[in-house]
Amino acid sequence: MANLSRNIIDSGEVKNMIGQKEFRGITSNSTIFEKVITGNAIYDQR
């Protein structure tokens, strides 16, 4: 999975994909991850 976000975690989509064995793991490039979460209101909520 290349586009992990809080929205798909909170919605249960990731859990469903794991349950259906649509993928086996998730990884994130730390540089890209930092750019995505910095200044994004979705991640400020928690």
C-alpha atoms as a PDB file:
ATOM      1  CA  MET A   1       0.000   0.000   0.000  1.00  0.00           C
ATOM      2  CA  ALA A   2       1.470   3.305  -1.036  1.00  0.00           C
ATOM      3  CA  ASN A   3      -1.102   5.774   0.219  1.00  0.00           C
ATOM      4  CA  LEU A   4      -1.733   5.050   3.881  1.00  0.00           C
ATOM      5  CA  SER A   5      -3.752   7.776   5.591  1.00  0.00           C
ATOM      6  CA  ARG A   6      -5.635   8.207   8.835  1.00  0.00           C
ATOM      7  CA  ASN A   7      -8.907   8.357   6.889  1.00  0.00           C
ATOM      8  CA  ILE A   8      -8.597   4.811   5.581  1.00  0.00           C
ATOM      9  CA  ILE A   9      -7.439   3.548   8.968  1.00  0.00           C
ATOM     10  CA  ASP A  10     -10.354   5.186  10.804  1.00  0.00           C
ATOM     11  CA  SER A  11     -12.876   4.020   8.193  1.00  0.00           C
ATOM     12  CA  GLY A  12     -11.874   0.379   8.653  1.00  0.00           C
ATOM     13  CA  GLU A  13     -10.687   0.035   5.052  1.00  0.00           C
ATOM     14  CA  VAL A  14      -7.200  -1.107   6.078  1.00  0.00           C
ATOM     15  CA  LYS A  15      -8.633  -3.702   8.465  1.00  0.00           C
ATOM     16  CA  ASN A  16     -10.914  -5.011   5.712  1.00  0.00           C
ATOM     17  CA  MET A  17      -8.043  -5.214   3.239  1.00  0.00           C
ATOM     18  CA  ILE A  18      -5.957  -7.175   5.746  1.00  0.00           C
ATOM     19  CA  GLY A  19      -8.897  -9.469   6.491  1.00  0.00           C
ATOM     20  CA  GLN A  20      -9.389 -10.129   2.787  1.00  0.00           C
ATOM     21  CA  LYS A  21      -5.624 -10.662   2.380  1.00  0.00           C
ATOM     22  CA  GLU A  22      -5.433  -7.976  -0.281  1.00  0.00           C
ATOM     23  CA  PHE A  23      -2.009  -7.000   1.015  1.00  0.00           C
ATOM     24  CA  ARG A  24       0.484  -8.244   3.557  1.00  0.00           C
ATOM     25  CA  GLY A  25       2.107  -5.122   4.904  1.00  0.00           C
ATOM     26  CA  ILE A  26       2.441  -1.387   4.933  1.00  0.00           C
ATOM     27  CA  THR A  27       5.584   0.662   4.856  1.00  0.00           C
ATOM     28  CA  SER A  28       6.277   4.339   4.523  1.00  0.00           C
ATOM     29  CA  ASN A  29       9.198   6.385   3.345  1.00  0.00           C
ATOM     30  CA  SER A  30       9.957   8.583   6.364  1.00  0.00           C
ATOM     31  CA  THR A  31      10.639  11.669   4.241  1.00  0.00           C
ATOM     32  CA  ILE A  32       7.354  11.361   2.373  1.00  0.00           C
ATOM     33  CA  PHE A  33       5.498  10.534   5.590  1.00  0.00           C
ATOM     34  CA  GLU A  34       6.819  13.670   7.302  1.00  0.00           C
ATOM     35  CA  LYS A  35       5.746  15.857   4.374  1.00  0.00           C
ATOM     36  CA  VAL A  36       2.256  14.365   4.393  1.00  0.00           C
ATOM     37  CA  ILE A  37       1.572  14.801   8.112  1.00  0.00           C
ATOM     38  CA  THR A  38       3.212  18.196   8.593  1.00  0.00           C
ATOM     39  CA  GLY A  39       0.538  20.851   8.501  1.00  0.00           C
ATOM     40  CA  ASN A  40      -2.283  18.415   7.722  1.00  0.00           C
ATOM     41  CA  ALA A  41      -5.294  19.016   9.985  1.00  0.00           C
ATOM     42  CA  ILE A  42      -6.280  15.332   9.930  1.00  0.00           C
ATOM     43  CA  TYR A  43      -3.164  14.495  11.915  1.00  0.00           C
ATOM     44  CA  ASP A  44      -3.532  17.446  14.306  1.00  0.00           C
ATOM     45  CA  GLN A  45      -6.697  15.877  15.771  1.00  0.00           C
ATOM     46  CA  ARG A  46      -4.778  13.300  17.819  1.00  0.00           C
END
